[in-house]
Amino acid sequence: MLFYNEISSKCIAYFPAIETITPEIESCLQKADVLMVDGTFWSDEELVVMGATERNAKKMGHLPISGPSGIMEQLTSFSAERKILIHINNSNPILRKDSKEAYALEQHGFEIAYEGMELEV
C-alpha cells in the first residue's frame, strides 16, 4: 500500500506482512521514498528452532528477513531513502542492538522500527 504526501510529492510503501514479493508489491516498493516492510522473523525456521511451533515463517505468511530471497536480499538494491523493518516478533534477534543480525541489517541500509518512531515525508 502506498501513501502519498501531496505537498512533498514523496510516498511511503507500507507492508507489515509480506508472504512473497509479488510484481504488484515490487512496483509499490520501487516507487516509494520510504519502505516500511515486514520484519517479523529473521529466519524462516526461527520459531521452529526455538521449539515454539512447527510452522515456519513462510507458513505463517511472513517472508523472513535473511536467507535466499529474503527481505534483505530482495530490497537491498532498492533506491528508497529509508528502508525500515516493522512488525517485528519478540523472538527476532535484530531486536538485540549488539547482534550480528542487527549489524548485517545496518550494513545493508535497513533500519529497525521502534516504539514512538516518527517519520516526516
PDB file of N, CA and C in Angstrom:
ATOM      1  N   MET A   1       0.844  -1.155   0.000  1.00  0.00           N
ATOM      2  CA  MET A   1       0.000   0.000   0.000  1.00  0.00           C
ATOM      3  C   MET A   1       0.901   1.232   0.000  1.00  0.00           C
ATOM      4  N   LEU A   2       0.612   2.193  -0.868  1.00  0.00           N
ATOM      5  CA  LEU A   2       1.363   3.443  -0.956  1.00  0.00           C
ATOM      6  C   LEU A   2       0.569   4.585  -0.337  1.00  0.00           C
ATOM      7  N   PHE A   3       1.270   5.434   0.392  1.00  0.00           N
ATOM      8  CA  PHE A   3       0.694   6.645   0.959  1.00  0.00           C
ATOM      9  C   PHE A   3       1.480   7.824   0.424  1.00  0.00           C
ATOM     10  N   TYR A   4       0.790   8.757  -0.246  1.00  0.00           N
ATOM     11  CA  TYR A   4       1.441   9.917  -0.849  1.00  0.00           C
ATOM     12  C   TYR A   4       1.254  11.164  -0.006  1.00  0.00           C
ATOM     13  N   ASN A   5       2.301  11.983   0.053  1.00  0.00           N
ATOM     14  CA  ASN A   5       2.232  13.314   0.635  1.00  0.00           C
ATOM     15  C   ASN A   5       2.180  14.266  -0.553  1.00  0.00           C
ATOM     16  N   GLU A   6       1.041  14.864  -0.782  1.00  0.00           N
ATOM     17  CA  GLU A   6       0.873  15.733  -1.951  1.00  0.00           C
ATOM     18  C   GLU A   6       1.744  16.984  -1.877  1.00  0.00           C
ATOM     19  N   ILE A   7       2.084  17.418  -0.688  1.00  0.00           N
ATOM     20  CA  ILE A   7       2.909  18.618  -0.540  1.00  0.00           C
ATOM     21  C   ILE A   7       4.361  18.340  -0.913  1.00  0.00           C
ATOM     22  N   SER A   8       4.916  17.263  -0.386  1.00  0.00           N
ATOM     23  CA  SER A   8       6.320  16.944  -0.663  1.00  0.00           C
ATOM     24  C   SER A   8       6.505  16.083  -1.915  1.00  0.00           C
ATOM     25  N   SER A   9       5.422  15.523  -2.427  1.00  0.00           N
ATOM     26  CA  SER A   9       5.452  14.594  -3.568  1.00  0.00           C
ATOM     27  C   SER A   9       6.245  13.322  -3.267  1.00  0.00           C
ATOM     28  N   LYS A  10       6.335  12.968  -1.989  1.00  0.00           N
ATOM     29  CA  LYS A  10       7.024  11.743  -1.597  1.00  0.00           C
ATOM     30  C   LYS A  10       5.993  10.732  -1.105  1.00  0.00           C
ATOM     31  N   CYS A  11       6.415   9.469  -1.058  1.00  0.00           N
ATOM     32  CA  CYS A  11       5.469   8.454  -0.606  1.00  0.00           C
ATOM     33  C   CYS A  11       6.149   7.375   0.220  1.00  0.00           C
ATOM     34  N   ILE A  12       5.309   6.721   1.012  1.00  0.00           N
ATOM     35  CA  ILE A  12       5.715   5.605   1.866  1.00  0.00           C
ATOM     36  C   ILE A  12       5.016   4.353   1.363  1.00  0.00           C
ATOM     37  N   ALA A  13       5.784   3.265   1.252  1.00  0.00           N
ATOM     38  CA  ALA A  13       5.206   1.950   0.991  1.00  0.00           C
ATOM     39  C   ALA A  13       5.108   1.252   2.342  1.00  0.00           C
ATOM     40  N   TYR A  14       3.909   0.796   2.679  1.00  0.00           N
ATOM     41  CA  TYR A  14       3.647   0.192   3.984  1.00  0.00           C
ATOM     42  C   TYR A  14       3.133  -1.227   3.791  1.00  0.00           C
ATOM     43  N   PHE A  15       3.968  -2.209   4.159  1.00  0.00           N
ATOM     44  CA  PHE A  15       3.613  -3.618   4.035  1.00  0.00           C
ATOM     45  C   PHE A  15       4.028  -4.353   5.307  1.00  0.00           C
ATOM     46  N   PRO A  16       3.158  -4.376   6.333  1.00  0.00           N
ATOM     47  CA  PRO A  16       3.513  -5.002   7.606  1.00  0.00           C
ATOM     48  C   PRO A  16       3.559  -6.526   7.579  1.00  0.00           C
ATOM     49  N   ALA A  17       2.997  -7.136   6.559  1.00  0.00           N
ATOM     50  CA  ALA A  17       3.047  -8.595   6.423  1.00  0.00           C
ATOM     51  C   ALA A  17       3.212  -8.920   4.943  1.00  0.00           C
ATOM     52  N   ILE A  18       4.332  -9.564   4.619  1.00  0.00           N
ATOM     53  CA  ILE A  18       4.605  -9.946   3.232  1.00  0.00           C
ATOM     54  C   ILE A  18       4.909 -11.438   3.201  1.00  0.00           C
ATOM     55  N   GLU A  19       4.087 -12.161   2.478  1.00  0.00           N
ATOM     56  CA  GLU A  19       4.324 -13.595   2.310  1.00  0.00           C
ATOM     57  C   GLU A  19       5.283 -13.827   1.145  1.00  0.00           C
ATOM     58  N   THR A  20       5.134 -13.010   0.120  1.00  0.00           N
ATOM     59  CA  THR A  20       6.001 -13.046  -1.056  1.00  0.00           C
ATOM     60  C   THR A  20       5.950 -11.672  -1.705  1.00  0.00           C
ATOM     61  N   ILE A  21       6.998 -11.306  -2.387  1.00  0.00           N
ATOM     62  CA  ILE A  21       7.006 -10.015  -3.070  1.00  0.00           C
ATOM     63  C   ILE A  21       6.489 -10.244  -4.484  1.00  0.00           C
ATOM     64  N   THR A  22       5.238  -9.924  -4.662  1.00  0.00           N
ATOM     65  CA  THR A  22       4.583 -10.068  -5.959  1.00  0.00           C
ATOM     66  C   THR A  22       5.008  -8.909  -6.863  1.00  0.00           C
ATOM     67  N   PRO A  23       4.755  -9.005  -8.161  1.00  0.00           N
ATOM     68  CA  PRO A  23       5.063  -7.875  -9.045  1.00  0.00           C
ATOM     69  C   PRO A  23       4.349  -6.582  -8.615  1.00  0.00           C
ATOM     70  N   GLU A  24       3.131  -6.706  -8.084  1.00  0.00           N
ATOM     71  CA  GLU A  24       2.389  -5.530  -7.635  1.00  0.00           C
ATOM     72  C   GLU A  24       3.054  -4.883  -6.421  1.00  0.00           C
ATOM     73  N   ILE A  25       3.477  -5.709  -5.471  1.00  0.00           N
ATOM     74  CA  ILE A  25       4.160  -5.187  -4.291  1.00  0.00           C
ATOM     75  C   ILE A  25       5.498  -4.588  -4.702  1.00  0.00           C
ATOM     76  N   GLU A  26       6.228  -5.272  -5.548  1.00  0.00           N
ATOM     77  CA  GLU A  26       7.525  -4.756  -6.002  1.00  0.00           C
ATOM     78  C   GLU A  26       7.369  -3.397  -6.672  1.00  0.00           C
ATOM     79  N   SER A  27       6.333  -3.234  -7.470  1.00  0.00           N
ATOM     80  CA  SER A  27       6.081  -1.952  -8.129  1.00  0.00           C
ATOM     81  C   SER A  27       5.882  -0.839  -7.105  1.00  0.00           C
ATOM     82  N   CYS A  28       5.110  -1.110  -6.064  1.00  0.00           N
ATOM     83  CA  CYS A  28       4.905  -0.113  -4.998  1.00  0.00           C
ATOM     84  C   CYS A  28       6.220   0.213  -4.301  1.00  0.00           C
ATOM     85  N   LEU A  29       6.989  -0.818  -3.986  1.00  0.00           N
ATOM     86  CA  LEU A  29       8.255  -0.621  -3.283  1.00  0.00           C
ATOM     87  C   LEU A  29       9.249   0.170  -4.128  1.00  0.00           C
ATOM     88  N   GLN A  30       9.249  -0.053  -5.423  1.00  0.00           N
ATOM     89  CA  GLN A  30      10.165   0.667  -6.319  1.00  0.00           C
ATOM     90  C   GLN A  30       9.819   2.156  -6.404  1.00  0.00           C
ATOM     91  N   LYS A  31       8.557   2.502  -6.264  1.00  0.00           N
ATOM     92  CA  LYS A  31       8.108   3.896  -6.371  1.00  0.00           C
ATOM     93  C   LYS A  31       8.324   4.692  -5.092  1.00  0.00           C
ATOM     94  N   ALA A  32       8.451   4.022  -3.967  1.00  0.00           N
ATOM     95  CA  ALA A  32       8.418   4.693  -2.665  1.00  0.00           C
ATOM     96  C   ALA A  32       9.754   5.321  -2.281  1.00  0.00           C
ATOM     97  N   ASP A  33       9.648   6.419  -1.529  1.00  0.00           N
ATOM     98  CA  ASP A  33      10.813   7.084  -0.957  1.00  0.00           C
ATOM     99  C   ASP A  33      11.202   6.441   0.372  1.00  0.00           C
ATOM    100  N   VAL A  34      10.208   5.899   1.068  1.00  0.00           N
ATOM    101  CA  VAL A  34      10.425   5.224   2.347  1.00  0.00           C
ATOM    102  C   VAL A  34       9.704   3.875   2.297  1.00  0.00           C
ATOM    103  N   LEU A  35      10.431   2.827   2.672  1.00  0.00           N
ATOM    104  CA  LEU A  35       9.835   1.497   2.733  1.00  0.00           C
ATOM    105  C   LEU A  35       9.633   1.122   4.195  1.00  0.00           C
ATOM    106  N   MET A  36       8.443   0.697   4.520  1.00  0.00           N
ATOM    107  CA  MET A  36       8.142   0.145   5.843  1.00  0.00           C
ATOM    108  C   MET A  36       7.604  -1.254   5.581  1.00  0.00           C
ATOM    109  N   VAL A  37       8.449  -2.260   5.864  1.00  0.00           N
ATOM    110  CA  VAL A  37       8.111  -3.618   5.462  1.00  0.00           C
ATOM    111  C   VAL A  37       8.254  -4.621   6.612  1.00  0.00           C
ATOM    112  N   ASP A  38       7.633  -5.751   6.400  1.00  0.00           N
ATOM    113  CA  ASP A  38       7.579  -6.867   7.337  1.00  0.00           C
ATOM    114  C   ASP A  38       8.970  -7.302   7.786  1.00  0.00           C
ATOM    115  N   GLY A  39       9.208  -7.232   9.081  1.00  0.00           N
ATOM    116  CA  GLY A  39      10.451  -7.713   9.666  1.00  0.00           C
ATOM    117  C   GLY A  39      10.162  -8.710  10.774  1.00  0.00           C
ATOM    118  N   THR A  40       9.046  -9.410  10.656  1.00  0.00           N
ATOM    119  CA  THR A  40       8.580 -10.283  11.722  1.00  0.00           C
ATOM    120  C   THR A  40       9.648 -11.275  12.171  1.00  0.00           C
ATOM    121  N   PHE A  41      10.221 -12.002  11.217  1.00  0.00           N
ATOM    122  CA  PHE A  41      11.180 -13.048  11.562  1.00  0.00           C
ATOM    123  C   PHE A  41      12.496 -12.860  10.826  1.00  0.00           C
ATOM    124  N   TRP A  42      13.599 -13.132  11.524  1.00  0.00           N
ATOM    125  CA  TRP A  42      14.917 -13.094  10.890  1.00  0.00           C
ATOM    126  C   TRP A  42      15.072 -14.274   9.932  1.00  0.00           C
ATOM    127  N   SER A  43      14.726 -15.462  10.383  1.00  0.00           N
ATOM    128  CA  SER A  43      14.888 -16.661   9.554  1.00  0.00           C
ATOM    129  C   SER A  43      13.565 -17.402   9.414  1.00  0.00           C
ATOM    130  N   ASP A  44      13.508 -18.238   8.408  1.00  0.00           N
ATOM    131  CA  ASP A  44      12.287 -18.992   8.150  1.00  0.00           C
ATOM    132  C   ASP A  44      11.976 -19.972   9.277  1.00  0.00           C
ATOM    133  N   GLU A  45      13.005 -20.523   9.910  1.00  0.00           N
ATOM    134  CA  GLU A  45      12.825 -21.548  10.943  1.00  0.00           C
ATOM    135  C   GLU A  45      12.965 -21.002  12.364  1.00  0.00           C
ATOM    136  N   GLU A  46      12.940 -19.700  12.540  1.00  0.00           N
ATOM    137  CA  GLU A  46      13.199 -19.061  13.837  1.00  0.00           C
ATOM    138  C   GLU A  46      12.409 -19.672  14.992  1.00  0.00           C
ATOM    139  N   LEU A  47      11.106 -19.748  14.863  1.00  0.00           N
ATOM    140  CA  LEU A  47      10.285 -20.274  15.953  1.00  0.00           C
ATOM    141  C   LEU A  47      10.339 -21.799  16.044  1.00  0.00           C
ATOM    142  N   VAL A  48      10.587 -22.458  14.918  1.00  0.00           N
ATOM    143  CA  VAL A  48      10.706 -23.919  14.918  1.00  0.00           C
ATOM    144  C   VAL A  48      11.936 -24.323  15.731  1.00  0.00           C
ATOM    145  N   VAL A  49      13.065 -23.647  15.503  1.00  0.00           N
ATOM    146  CA  VAL A  49      14.302 -23.938  16.227  1.00  0.00           C
ATOM    147  C   VAL A  49      14.126 -23.699  17.719  1.00  0.00           C
ATOM    148  N   MET A  50      13.356 -22.689  18.076  1.00  0.00           N
ATOM    149  CA  MET A  50      13.097 -22.380  19.487  1.00  0.00           C
ATOM    150  C   MET A  50      12.153 -23.385  20.131  1.00  0.00           C
ATOM    151  N   GLY A  51      11.489 -24.198  19.311  1.00  0.00           N
ATOM    152  CA  GLY A  51      10.518 -25.159  19.823  1.00  0.00           C
ATOM    153  C   GLY A  51       9.166 -24.548  20.119  1.00  0.00           C
ATOM    154  N   ALA A  52       8.923 -23.341  19.603  1.00  0.00           N
ATOM    155  CA  ALA A  52       7.671 -22.643  19.882  1.00  0.00           C
ATOM    156  C   ALA A  52       6.522 -23.092  18.977  1.00  0.00           C
ATOM    157  N   THR A  53       6.840 -23.607  17.800  1.00  0.00           N
ATOM    158  CA  THR A  53       5.817 -24.035  16.851  1.00  0.00           C
ATOM    159  C   THR A  53       6.446 -24.957  15.816  1.00  0.00           C
ATOM    160  N   GLU A  54       5.617 -25.630  15.062  1.00  0.00           N
ATOM    161  CA  GLU A  54       6.112 -26.465  13.973  1.00  0.00           C
ATOM    162  C   GLU A  54       6.011 -25.748  12.636  1.00  0.00           C
ATOM    163  N   ARG A  55       5.356 -24.576  12.636  1.00  0.00           N
ATOM    164  CA  ARG A  55       5.193 -23.816  11.392  1.00  0.00           C
ATOM    165  C   ARG A  55       6.335 -22.816  11.229  1.00  0.00           C
ATOM    166  N   ASN A  56       6.873 -22.736  10.007  1.00  0.00           N
ATOM    167  CA  ASN A  56       7.925 -21.767   9.755  1.00  0.00           C
ATOM    168  C   ASN A  56       7.320 -20.409   9.394  1.00  0.00           C
ATOM    169  N   ALA A  57       8.178 -19.426   9.213  1.00  0.00           N
ATOM    170  CA  ALA A  57       7.720 -18.057   8.936  1.00  0.00           C
ATOM    171  C   ALA A  57       6.834 -17.997   7.688  1.00  0.00           C
ATOM    172  N   LYS A  58       7.271 -18.646   6.626  1.00  0.00           N
ATOM    173  CA  LYS A  58       6.507 -18.607   5.373  1.00  0.00           C
ATOM    174  C   LYS A  58       5.121 -19.217   5.537  1.00  0.00           C
ATOM    175  N   LYS A  59       5.016 -20.292   6.324  1.00  0.00           N
ATOM    176  CA  LYS A  59       3.714 -20.913   6.551  1.00  0.00           C
ATOM    177  C   LYS A  59       2.802 -20.017   7.383  1.00  0.00           C
ATOM    178  N   MET A  60       3.412 -19.060   8.107  1.00  0.00           N
ATOM    179  CA  MET A  60       2.629 -18.092   8.888  1.00  0.00           C
ATOM    180  C   MET A  60       2.357 -16.820   8.090  1.00  0.00           C
ATOM    181  N   GLY A  61       2.792 -16.788   6.841  1.00  0.00           N
ATOM    182  CA  GLY A  61       2.517 -15.638   5.984  1.00  0.00           C
ATOM    183  C   GLY A  61       3.543 -14.519   6.056  1.00  0.00           C
ATOM    184  N   HIS A  62       4.784 -14.850   6.465  1.00  0.00           N
ATOM    185  CA  HIS A  62       5.833 -13.833   6.576  1.00  0.00           C
ATOM    186  C   HIS A  62       7.087 -14.266   5.829  1.00  0.00           C
ATOM    187  N   LEU A  63       7.550 -13.405   4.947  1.00  0.00           N
ATOM    188  CA  LEU A  63       8.818 -13.617   4.276  1.00  0.00           C
ATOM    189  C   LEU A  63       9.921 -13.263   5.265  1.00  0.00           C
ATOM    190  N   PRO A  64      10.842 -14.183   5.567  1.00  0.00           N
ATOM    191  CA  PRO A  64      11.882 -13.858   6.542  1.00  0.00           C
ATOM    192  C   PRO A  64      12.828 -12.778   6.012  1.00  0.00           C
ATOM    193  N   ILE A  65      13.546 -12.150   6.919  1.00  0.00           N
ATOM    194  CA  ILE A  65      14.500 -11.111   6.540  1.00  0.00           C
ATOM    195  C   ILE A  65      15.706 -11.727   5.850  1.00  0.00           C
ATOM    196  N   SER A  66      16.267 -12.789   6.418  1.00  0.00           N
ATOM    197  CA  SER A  66      17.509 -13.372   5.908  1.00  0.00           C
ATOM    198  C   SER A  66      17.238 -14.512   4.943  1.00  0.00           C
ATOM    199  N   GLY A  67      18.327 -15.010   4.374  1.00  0.00           N
ATOM    200  CA  GLY A  67      18.249 -16.174   3.503  1.00  0.00           C
ATOM    201  C   GLY A  67      18.009 -15.805   2.058  1.00  0.00           C
ATOM    202  N   PRO A  68      18.132 -16.814   1.204  1.00  0.00           N
ATOM    203  CA  PRO A  68      17.888 -16.579  -0.222  1.00  0.00           C
ATOM    204  C   PRO A  68      16.467 -16.078  -0.444  1.00  0.00           C
ATOM    205  N   SER A  69      16.347 -15.026  -1.181  1.00  0.00           N
ATOM    206  CA  SER A  69      15.055 -14.398  -1.487  1.00  0.00           C
ATOM    207  C   SER A  69      14.366 -13.791  -0.274  1.00  0.00           C
ATOM    208  N   GLY A  70      15.111 -13.572   0.819  1.00  0.00           N
ATOM    209  CA  GLY A  70      14.543 -12.904   1.981  1.00  0.00           C
ATOM    210  C   GLY A  70      14.410 -11.407   1.731  1.00  0.00           C
ATOM    211  N   ILE A  71      13.758 -10.726   2.662  1.00  0.00           N
ATOM    212  CA  ILE A  71      13.534  -9.283   2.555  1.00  0.00           C
ATOM    213  C   ILE A  71      14.846  -8.528   2.307  1.00  0.00           C
ATOM    214  N   MET A  72      15.881  -8.855   3.091  1.00  0.00           N
ATOM    215  CA  MET A  72      17.140  -8.117   2.971  1.00  0.00           C
ATOM    216  C   MET A  72      17.739  -8.282   1.581  1.00  0.00           C
ATOM    217  N   GLU A  73      17.794  -9.499   1.098  1.00  0.00           N
ATOM    218  CA  GLU A  73      18.373  -9.750  -0.225  1.00  0.00           C
ATOM    219  C   GLU A  73      17.561  -9.064  -1.326  1.00  0.00           C
ATOM    220  N   GLN A  74      16.254  -9.138  -1.229  1.00  0.00           N
ATOM    221  CA  GLN A  74      15.417  -8.602  -2.294  1.00  0.00           C
ATOM    222  C   GLN A  74      15.358  -7.071  -2.318  1.00  0.00           C
ATOM    223  N   LEU A  75      15.480  -6.434  -1.152  1.00  0.00           N
ATOM    224  CA  LEU A  75      15.288  -4.980  -1.114  1.00  0.00           C
ATOM    225  C   LEU A  75      16.570  -4.167  -0.996  1.00  0.00           C
ATOM    226  N   THR A  76      17.703  -4.804  -0.821  1.00  0.00           N
ATOM    227  CA  THR A  76      18.961  -4.071  -0.655  1.00  0.00           C
ATOM    228  C   THR A  76      19.212  -3.109  -1.805  1.00  0.00           C
ATOM    229  N   SER A  77      18.935  -3.512  -3.018  1.00  0.00           N
ATOM    230  CA  SER A  77      19.243  -2.674  -4.180  1.00  0.00           C
ATOM    231  C   SER A  77      18.188  -1.602  -4.473  1.00  0.00           C
ATOM    232  N   PHE A  78      17.100  -1.594  -3.742  1.00  0.00           N
ATOM    233  CA  PHE A  78      16.070  -0.584  -3.981  1.00  0.00           C
ATOM    234  C   PHE A  78      16.612   0.792  -3.589  1.00  0.00           C
ATOM    235  N   SER A  79      16.195   1.817  -4.288  1.00  0.00           N
ATOM    236  CA  SER A  79      16.764   3.159  -4.100  1.00  0.00           C
ATOM    237  C   SER A  79      16.048   4.018  -3.068  1.00  0.00           C
ATOM    238  N   ALA A  80      15.151   3.478  -2.304  1.00  0.00           N
ATOM    239  CA  ALA A  80      14.420   4.266  -1.300  1.00  0.00           C
ATOM    240  C   ALA A  80      15.394   4.955  -0.339  1.00  0.00           C
ATOM    241  N   GLU A  81      15.008   6.138   0.120  1.00  0.00           N
ATOM    242  CA  GLU A  81      15.831   6.901   1.068  1.00  0.00           C
ATOM    243  C   GLU A  81      15.994   6.148   2.390  1.00  0.00           C
ATOM    244  N   ARG A  82      14.923   5.464   2.791  1.00  0.00           N
ATOM    245  CA  ARG A  82      14.943   4.719   4.046  1.00  0.00           C
ATOM    246  C   ARG A  82      14.226   3.398   3.853  1.00  0.00           C
ATOM    247  N   LYS A  83      14.772   2.356   4.484  1.00  0.00           N
ATOM    248  CA  LYS A  83      14.157   1.025   4.489  1.00  0.00           C
ATOM    249  C   LYS A  83      14.020   0.634   5.951  1.00  0.00           C
ATOM    250  N   ILE A  84      12.777   0.556   6.416  1.00  0.00           N
ATOM    251  CA  ILE A  84      12.505   0.349   7.833  1.00  0.00           C
ATOM    252  C   ILE A  84      11.727  -0.948   8.019  1.00  0.00           C
ATOM    253  N   LEU A  85      12.241  -1.807   8.897  1.00  0.00           N
ATOM    254  CA  LEU A  85      11.543  -3.054   9.206  1.00  0.00           C
ATOM    255  C   LEU A  85      10.566  -2.810  10.350  1.00  0.00           C
ATOM    256  N   ILE A  86       9.339  -3.286  10.161  1.00  0.00           N
ATOM    257  CA  ILE A  86       8.263  -3.109  11.137  1.00  0.00           C
ATOM    258  C   ILE A  86       7.670  -4.469  11.485  1.00  0.00           C
ATOM    259  N   HIS A  87       6.756  -4.496  12.454  1.00  0.00           N
ATOM    260  CA  HIS A  87       6.028  -5.714  12.824  1.00  0.00           C
ATOM    261  C   HIS A  87       7.004  -6.812  13.230  1.00  0.00           C
ATOM    262  N   ILE A  88       7.908  -6.504  14.126  1.00  0.00           N
ATOM    263  CA  ILE A  88       8.992  -7.396  14.496  1.00  0.00           C
ATOM    264  C   ILE A  88       8.585  -8.271  15.684  1.00  0.00           C
ATOM    265  N   ASN A  89       8.710  -9.579  15.511  1.00  0.00           N
ATOM    266  CA  ASN A  89       8.381 -10.523  16.578  1.00  0.00           C
ATOM    267  C   ASN A  89       9.432 -10.449  17.685  1.00  0.00           C
ATOM    268  N   ASN A  90       9.024 -10.694  18.920  1.00  0.00           N
ATOM    269  CA  ASN A  90       9.967 -10.598  20.037  1.00  0.00           C
ATOM    270  C   ASN A  90      11.042 -11.682  20.019  1.00  0.00           C
ATOM    271  N   SER A  91      10.911 -12.680  19.173  1.00  0.00           N
ATOM    272  CA  SER A  91      11.941 -13.713  19.027  1.00  0.00           C
ATOM    273  C   SER A  91      13.049 -13.296  18.067  1.00  0.00           C
ATOM    274  N   ASN A  92      12.844 -12.222  17.338  1.00  0.00           N
ATOM    275  CA  ASN A  92      13.756 -11.808  16.282  1.00  0.00           C
ATOM    276  C   ASN A  92      15.054 -11.248  16.871  1.00  0.00           C
ATOM    277  N   PRO A  93      16.202 -11.817  16.496  1.00  0.00           N
ATOM    278  CA  PRO A  93      17.473 -11.358  17.067  1.00  0.00           C
ATOM    279  C   PRO A  93      17.860  -9.932  16.680  1.00  0.00           C
ATOM    280  N   ILE A  94      17.211  -9.338  15.700  1.00  0.00           N
ATOM    281  CA  ILE A  94      17.545  -7.951  15.333  1.00  0.00           C
ATOM    282  C   ILE A  94      17.187  -6.977  16.448  1.00  0.00           C
ATOM    283  N   LEU A  95      16.364  -7.401  17.384  1.00  0.00           N
ATOM    284  CA  LEU A  95      15.990  -6.520  18.495  1.00  0.00           C
ATOM    285  C   LEU A  95      17.136  -6.332  19.488  1.00  0.00           C
ATOM    286  N   ARG A  96      18.140  -7.200  19.418  1.00  0.00           N
ATOM    287  CA  ARG A  96      19.345  -7.018  20.243  1.00  0.00           C
ATOM    288  C   ARG A  96      20.316  -6.154  19.439  1.00  0.00           C
ATOM    289  N   LYS A  97      20.516  -4.931  19.887  1.00  0.00           N
ATOM    290  CA  LYS A  97      21.324  -3.970  19.123  1.00  0.00           C
ATOM    291  C   LYS A  97      22.746  -4.446  18.859  1.00  0.00           C
ATOM    292  N   ASP A  98      23.272  -5.324  19.705  1.00  0.00           N
ATOM    293  CA  ASP A  98      24.641  -5.807  19.530  1.00  0.00           C
ATOM    294  C   ASP A  98      24.707  -7.142  18.782  1.00  0.00           C
ATOM    295  N   SER A  99      23.611  -7.562  18.179  1.00  0.00           N
ATOM    296  CA  SER A  99      23.600  -8.854  17.478  1.00  0.00           C
ATOM    297  C   SER A  99      24.199  -8.729  16.079  1.00  0.00           C
ATOM    298  N   LYS A 100      24.706  -9.841  15.577  1.00  0.00           N
ATOM    299  CA  LYS A 100      25.255  -9.861  14.221  1.00  0.00           C
ATOM    300  C   LYS A 100      24.154  -9.615  13.189  1.00  0.00           C
ATOM    301  N   GLU A 101      22.933  -9.992  13.524  1.00  0.00           N
ATOM    302  CA  GLU A 101      21.802  -9.777  12.616  1.00  0.00           C
ATOM    303  C   GLU A 101      21.486  -8.284  12.484  1.00  0.00           C
ATOM    304  N   ALA A 102      21.480  -7.565  13.603  1.00  0.00           N
ATOM    305  CA  ALA A 102      21.240  -6.114  13.561  1.00  0.00           C
ATOM    306  C   ALA A 102      22.361  -5.417  12.792  1.00  0.00           C
ATOM    307  N   TYR A 103      23.582  -5.888  12.978  1.00  0.00           N
ATOM    308  CA  TYR A 103      24.723  -5.326  12.265  1.00  0.00           C
ATOM    309  C   TYR A 103      24.584  -5.563  10.753  1.00  0.00           C
ATOM    310  N   ALA A 104      24.185  -6.761  10.363  1.00  0.00           N
ATOM    311  CA  ALA A 104      24.003  -7.075   8.942  1.00  0.00           C
ATOM    312  C   ALA A 104      22.962  -6.156   8.314  1.00  0.00           C
ATOM    313  N   LEU A 105      21.873  -5.919   9.027  1.00  0.00           N
ATOM    314  CA  LEU A 105      20.841  -5.010   8.512  1.00  0.00           C
ATOM    315  C   LEU A 105      21.399  -3.612   8.301  1.00  0.00           C
ATOM    316  N   GLU A 106      22.117  -3.131   9.284  1.00  0.00           N
ATOM    317  CA  GLU A 106      22.706  -1.795   9.189  1.00  0.00           C
ATOM    318  C   GLU A 106      23.637  -1.703   7.975  1.00  0.00           C
ATOM    319  N   GLN A 107      24.436  -2.734   7.758  1.00  0.00           N
ATOM    320  CA  GLN A 107      25.363  -2.753   6.628  1.00  0.00           C
ATOM    321  C   GLN A 107      24.636  -2.751   5.286  1.00  0.00           C
ATOM    322  N   HIS A 108      23.412  -3.241   5.270  1.00  0.00           N
ATOM    323  CA  HIS A 108      22.610  -3.271   4.042  1.00  0.00           C
ATOM    324  C   HIS A 108      21.642  -2.086   3.945  1.00  0.00           C
ATOM    325  N   GLY A 109      21.765  -1.127   4.856  1.00  0.00           N
ATOM    326  CA  GLY A 109      20.963   0.092   4.765  1.00  0.00           C
ATOM    327  C   GLY A 109      19.563  -0.002   5.335  1.00  0.00           C
ATOM    328  N   PHE A 110      19.320  -0.948   6.233  1.00  0.00           N
ATOM    329  CA  PHE A 110      17.998  -1.097   6.838  1.00  0.00           C
ATOM    330  C   PHE A 110      17.980  -0.507   8.242  1.00  0.00           C
ATOM    331  N   GLU A 111      16.826  -0.007   8.636  1.00  0.00           N
ATOM    332  CA  GLU A 111      16.586   0.473   9.991  1.00  0.00           C
ATOM    333  C   GLU A 111      15.587  -0.457  10.663  1.00  0.00           C
ATOM    334  N   ILE A 112      15.588  -0.451  11.966  1.00  0.00           N
ATOM    335  CA  ILE A 112      14.645  -1.244  12.741  1.00  0.00           C
ATOM    336  C   ILE A 112      13.696  -0.275  13.433  1.00  0.00           C
ATOM    337  N   ALA A 113      12.405  -0.422  13.173  1.00  0.00           N
ATOM    338  CA  ALA A 113      11.410   0.454  13.792  1.00  0.00           C
ATOM    339  C   ALA A 113      11.433   0.284  15.304  1.00  0.00           C
ATOM    340  N   TYR A 114      11.033   1.334  15.994  1.00  0.00           N
ATOM    341  CA  TYR A 114      10.967   1.288  17.447  1.00  0.00           C
ATOM    342  C   TYR A 114       9.720   2.037  17.896  1.00  0.00           C
ATOM    343  N   GLU A 115       9.271   1.725  19.090  1.00  0.00           N
ATOM    344  CA  GLU A 115       8.073   2.358  19.641  1.00  0.00           C
ATOM    345  C   GLU A 115       8.285   3.870  19.708  1.00  0.00           C
ATOM    346  N   GLY A 116       7.326   4.617  19.209  1.00  0.00           N
ATOM    347  CA  GLY A 116       7.399   6.079  19.221  1.00  0.00           C
ATOM    348  C   GLY A 116       8.118   6.670  18.025  1.00  0.00           C
ATOM    349  N   MET A 117       8.571   5.840  17.108  1.00  0.00           N
ATOM    350  CA  MET A 117       9.287   6.316  15.919  1.00  0.00           C
ATOM    351  C   MET A 117       8.375   7.230  15.106  1.00  0.00           C
ATOM    352  N   GLU A 118       8.901   8.348  14.681  1.00  0.00           N
ATOM    353  CA  GLU A 118       8.145   9.280  13.845  1.00  0.00           C
ATOM    354  C   GLU A 118       8.887   9.500  12.547  1.00  0.00           C
ATOM    355  N   LEU A 119       8.138   9.648  11.466  1.00  0.00           N
ATOM    356  CA  LEU A 119       8.695   9.895  10.144  1.00  0.00           C
ATOM    357  C   LEU A 119       8.108  11.171   9.583  1.00  0.00           C
ATOM    358  N   GLU A 120       8.912  11.859   8.808  1.00  0.00           N
ATOM    359  CA  GLU A 120       8.429  13.020   8.078  1.00  0.00           C
ATOM    360  C   GLU A 120       8.733  12.785   6.613  1.00  0.00           C
ATOM    361  N   VAL A 121       7.698  12.770   5.810  1.00  0.00           N
ATOM    362  CA  VAL A 121       7.873  12.513   4.387  1.00  0.00           C
ATOM    363  C   VAL A 121       7.332  13.689   3.608  1.00  0.00           C
TER     364      VAL A 121
END
